[in-house]
Amino acid sequence: MAKERECAYDVEDMREAVNTMRNGGIILYPTDTVWGIGCDATNEEAVSRIYKLKRREETKSMLVLVESVLKVKSYVGGIPDVGYDMMDITDKPLTMILDGAKNLAKNLIAEDGSIGIRVTNEEFSHDLCYRLGKAIVSTSANISGEPAAAIFSEISQEIIDGVDYVVKYRQGDMRRAKPSSIVRLHNDGRVAIIRQ
C-alpha cells in the first residue's frame, strides 16, 4: 500500500472535506487567498445551496479552483496564449475569466458562457481539488455584500452554521491573505483587468 506523503494538514480533515463534497455537501475551507465556501462544481444543487447561504443572486457567477493547468482545459474551451504567459509571470493568485465553460453546474456559468477559474498552489486547496477529482467552487466565506473573511475568526456564525463541514486546518492562522487578481481573457485575445 502506498504511503501518504508528508503534509502540513491532518489527512482525516482532508478526507472529511472530500467526502462531504462527494455526498453533495458544502464546506468552509482555507484557499490560496481568503477563506472560502466550496462544493463539487459539477453539482447544481450544492451550488444553489451556496448561493442561498450567501444570499447571492444566481446571475452573479462564482469562480472555481483546480489543481493544474491541465484541469483548466476540462472546464473551458481553451486558454488564450496570454493566459499561459500571465500564469508564468504572476507572483500572486490569478483568477482568469475564460470563455466556453463546460462540464460544470449550469448555475455556475455566467450568461455569456464564461467561468472564473484559478489554479491553486496552496497545499490544502490544491490537494482538495486533486482528491475530489473535480473543480471546486471557491467563493468568499461571507454574506454577499459584506467584507470577505481574510482569517477564520472573521467568518460569521451564520456562514459556519450553514455549511456541512468546517475544515480545521489553518483556523488559527492569523496571516491576512488578499483576494486574487482577476483578468477577463477573451478568445479573440482581448484582455481586461478586473481586479489587480
Protein backbone atom coordinates (compact mmCIF):
# COMPACT_ATOMS: atom_id res chain seq x y z
CA MET A 1 0.00 0.00 0.00
CA ALA A 2 1.35 3.45 -0.98
CA LYS A 3 2.36 5.69 1.91
CA GLU A 4 0.67 9.08 2.25
CA ARG A 5 3.17 11.87 1.58
CA GLU A 6 4.07 14.23 4.41
CA CYS A 7 1.70 17.18 4.58
CA ALA A 8 1.00 20.06 6.94
CA TYR A 9 -2.68 19.24 7.39
CA ASP A 10 -4.48 16.35 9.09
CA VAL A 11 -5.33 13.73 6.44
CA GLU A 12 -8.60 12.90 8.24
CA ASP A 13 -9.64 16.56 7.93
CA MET A 14 -9.00 16.32 4.18
CA ARG A 15 -10.98 13.06 3.90
CA GLU A 16 -13.97 14.58 5.70
CA ALA A 17 -13.95 17.61 3.40
CA VAL A 18 -13.72 15.47 0.24
CA ASN A 19 -16.41 13.02 1.40
CA THR A 20 -18.73 15.89 2.30
CA MET A 21 -18.45 17.28 -1.25
CA ARG A 22 -18.78 13.83 -2.84
CA ASN A 23 -22.06 13.46 -0.94
CA GLY A 24 -23.38 16.78 -2.25
CA GLY A 25 -22.44 18.85 0.80
CA ILE A 26 -20.81 22.26 1.13
CA ILE A 27 -17.67 23.06 3.10
CA LEU A 28 -15.86 26.02 4.65
CA TYR A 29 -12.15 25.83 3.80
CA PRO A 30 -8.90 27.81 3.50
CA THR A 31 -7.75 28.62 -0.02
CA ASP A 32 -4.73 30.28 -1.61
CA THR A 33 -6.45 33.61 -0.86
CA VAL A 34 -9.27 34.18 1.68
CA TRP A 35 -11.44 31.54 3.44
CA GLY A 36 -13.95 30.08 1.03
CA ILE A 37 -17.23 28.22 0.80
CA GLY A 38 -16.95 25.30 -1.58
CA CYS A 39 -18.64 22.30 -3.15
CA ASP A 40 -18.31 19.99 -6.13
CA ALA A 41 -18.53 22.48 -9.02
CA THR A 42 -20.48 19.97 -11.13
CA ASN A 43 -23.29 19.60 -8.54
CA GLU A 44 -26.05 22.09 -9.35
CA GLU A 45 -27.96 21.51 -6.11
CA ALA A 46 -24.88 22.09 -3.94
CA VAL A 47 -24.07 25.25 -5.93
CA SER A 48 -27.64 26.51 -5.30
CA ARG A 49 -27.18 25.98 -1.57
CA ILE A 50 -24.08 28.22 -1.62
CA TYR A 51 -25.98 30.98 -3.44
CA LYS A 52 -28.74 30.73 -0.81
CA LEU A 53 -26.30 30.73 2.12
CA LYS A 54 -24.50 33.82 0.78
CA ARG A 55 -27.81 35.46 -0.21
CA ARG A 56 -26.27 35.98 -3.61
CA GLU A 57 -28.20 36.20 -6.88
CA GLU A 58 -27.59 33.22 -9.17
CA THR A 59 -26.88 35.66 -12.01
CA LYS A 60 -23.61 36.58 -10.22
CA SER A 61 -21.45 33.60 -11.09
CA MET A 62 -18.84 32.18 -8.69
CA LEU A 63 -15.34 31.03 -9.52
CA VAL A 64 -13.85 27.54 -9.33
CA LEU A 65 -10.48 26.17 -8.22
CA VAL A 66 -8.49 23.42 -9.92
CA GLU A 67 -5.10 21.94 -9.09
CA SER A 68 -3.42 22.16 -12.51
CA VAL A 69 -3.43 23.95 -15.86
CA LEU A 70 -4.33 20.62 -17.45
CA LYS A 71 -7.53 20.57 -15.38
CA VAL A 72 -8.46 24.08 -16.58
CA LYS A 73 -8.84 22.60 -20.07
CA SER A 74 -11.51 20.19 -18.77
CA TYR A 75 -13.78 23.13 -17.94
CA VAL A 76 -13.23 25.70 -20.71
CA GLY A 77 -12.92 25.64 -24.49
CA GLY A 78 -9.31 26.79 -24.32
CA ILE A 79 -6.83 29.17 -22.73
CA PRO A 80 -5.60 32.10 -24.86
CA ASP A 81 -1.78 32.25 -25.12
CA VAL A 82 -1.69 35.38 -22.97
CA GLY A 83 -3.28 33.32 -20.15
CA TYR A 84 -0.29 30.97 -20.06
CA ASP A 85 2.07 33.98 -20.04
CA MET A 86 0.18 35.55 -17.13
CA MET A 87 0.25 32.33 -15.10
CA ASP A 88 4.00 32.06 -15.69
CA ILE A 89 4.87 35.57 -14.53
CA THR A 90 2.35 36.28 -11.76
CA ASP A 91 3.58 36.21 -8.17
CA LYS A 92 0.11 36.13 -6.63
CA PRO A 93 -3.05 34.04 -7.15
CA LEU A 94 -4.65 34.76 -10.53
CA THR A 95 -8.29 34.16 -11.43
CA MET A 96 -8.91 34.05 -15.17
CA ILE A 97 -12.40 34.54 -16.58
CA LEU A 98 -12.43 32.37 -19.68
CA ASP A 99 -14.92 31.71 -22.49
CA GLY A 100 -16.57 28.41 -23.30
CA ALA A 101 -17.30 26.99 -19.84
CA LYS A 102 -18.22 23.30 -19.92
CA ASN A 103 -18.64 20.26 -17.64
CA LEU A 104 -19.76 22.48 -14.73
CA ALA A 105 -23.07 23.08 -12.95
CA LYS A 106 -25.19 25.31 -15.21
CA ASN A 107 -25.89 27.76 -12.36
CA LEU A 108 -22.14 28.47 -12.04
CA ILE A 109 -21.68 29.61 -15.62
CA ALA A 110 -22.15 33.30 -16.48
CA GLU A 111 -24.78 34.32 -19.05
CA ASP A 112 -22.05 34.89 -21.65
CA GLY A 113 -20.81 31.30 -21.19
CA SER A 114 -17.68 32.25 -19.23
CA ILE A 115 -16.33 30.98 -15.91
CA GLY A 116 -13.80 32.33 -13.42
CA ILE A 117 -11.15 29.69 -12.80
CA ARG A 118 -7.92 29.64 -10.77
CA VAL A 119 -5.11 27.11 -10.42
CA THR A 120 -4.32 26.90 -6.70
CA ASN A 121 -0.82 26.15 -5.43
CA GLU A 122 -1.74 26.34 -1.73
CA GLU A 123 -1.28 22.84 -0.27
CA PHE A 124 -4.70 22.16 1.22
CA SER A 125 -6.91 23.55 -1.56
CA HIS A 126 -4.62 22.00 -4.21
CA ASP A 127 -4.90 18.55 -2.63
CA LEU A 128 -8.63 19.02 -2.08
CA CYS A 129 -9.13 19.54 -5.84
CA TYR A 130 -6.83 16.63 -6.65
CA ARG A 131 -8.55 14.20 -4.27
CA LEU A 132 -12.07 15.19 -5.31
CA GLY A 133 -11.01 14.87 -8.95
CA LYS A 134 -13.19 17.82 -9.95
CA ALA A 135 -13.24 21.60 -9.87
CA ILE A 136 -14.34 23.07 -6.54
CA VAL A 137 -16.43 26.19 -6.09
CA SER A 138 -14.47 28.91 -4.29
CA THR A 139 -16.46 31.90 -3.13
CA SER A 140 -15.58 34.11 -0.18
CA ALA A 141 -16.99 32.99 3.18
CA ASN A 142 -19.34 35.91 3.75
CA ILE A 143 -22.89 37.09 3.12
CA SER A 144 -22.99 38.82 -0.27
CA GLY A 145 -22.04 42.49 0.06
CA GLU A 146 -20.19 42.04 3.36
CA PRO A 147 -16.35 42.02 3.59
CA ALA A 148 -14.53 38.78 2.74
CA ALA A 149 -13.07 36.86 5.70
CA ALA A 150 -9.27 37.05 5.49
CA ILE A 151 -8.93 34.93 8.66
CA PHE A 152 -11.19 32.28 10.16
CA SER A 153 -12.25 34.37 13.19
CA GLU A 154 -13.86 36.91 10.83
CA ILE A 155 -16.35 34.37 9.43
CA SER A 156 -19.90 34.93 10.69
CA GLN A 157 -21.68 32.26 12.72
CA GLU A 158 -24.42 32.21 10.08
CA ILE A 159 -21.93 31.02 7.45
CA ILE A 160 -20.31 28.49 9.83
CA ASP A 161 -23.73 27.05 10.75
CA GLY A 162 -24.82 26.94 7.11
CA VAL A 163 -22.16 24.54 5.81
CA ASP A 164 -21.91 20.77 6.25
CA TYR A 165 -18.23 20.63 7.20
CA VAL A 166 -15.77 23.19 8.57
CA VAL A 167 -12.13 22.40 7.77
CA LYS A 168 -9.92 22.51 10.88
CA TYR A 169 -6.67 23.25 9.05
CA ARG A 170 -5.42 26.88 9.34
CA GLN A 171 -8.24 28.07 11.61
CA GLY A 172 -5.61 29.63 13.87
CA ASP A 173 -3.59 31.17 11.00
CA MET A 174 -3.60 34.94 11.52
CA ARG A 175 -1.88 35.86 8.23
CA ARG A 176 -4.23 38.13 6.32
CA ALA A 177 -4.49 36.82 2.78
CA LYS A 178 -5.80 39.03 -0.02
CA PRO A 179 -8.24 38.15 -2.81
CA SER A 180 -6.74 37.13 -6.15
CA SER A 181 -6.11 39.28 -9.20
CA ILE A 182 -8.91 38.84 -11.75
CA VAL A 183 -8.48 39.15 -15.51
CA ARG A 184 -11.01 38.62 -18.28
CA LEU A 185 -9.41 36.84 -21.23
CA HIS A 186 -11.41 36.67 -24.44
CA ASN A 187 -10.73 34.05 -27.10
CA ASP A 188 -10.02 36.83 -29.61
CA GLY A 189 -7.04 37.98 -27.50
CA ARG A 190 -8.68 40.92 -25.70
CA VAL A 191 -7.66 41.29 -22.03
CA ALA A 192 -9.47 43.26 -19.32
CA ILE A 193 -8.04 43.63 -15.82
CA ILE A 194 -10.96 43.45 -13.37
CA ARG A 195 -9.00 43.43 -10.10
CA GLN A 196 -5.23 43.85 -9.66
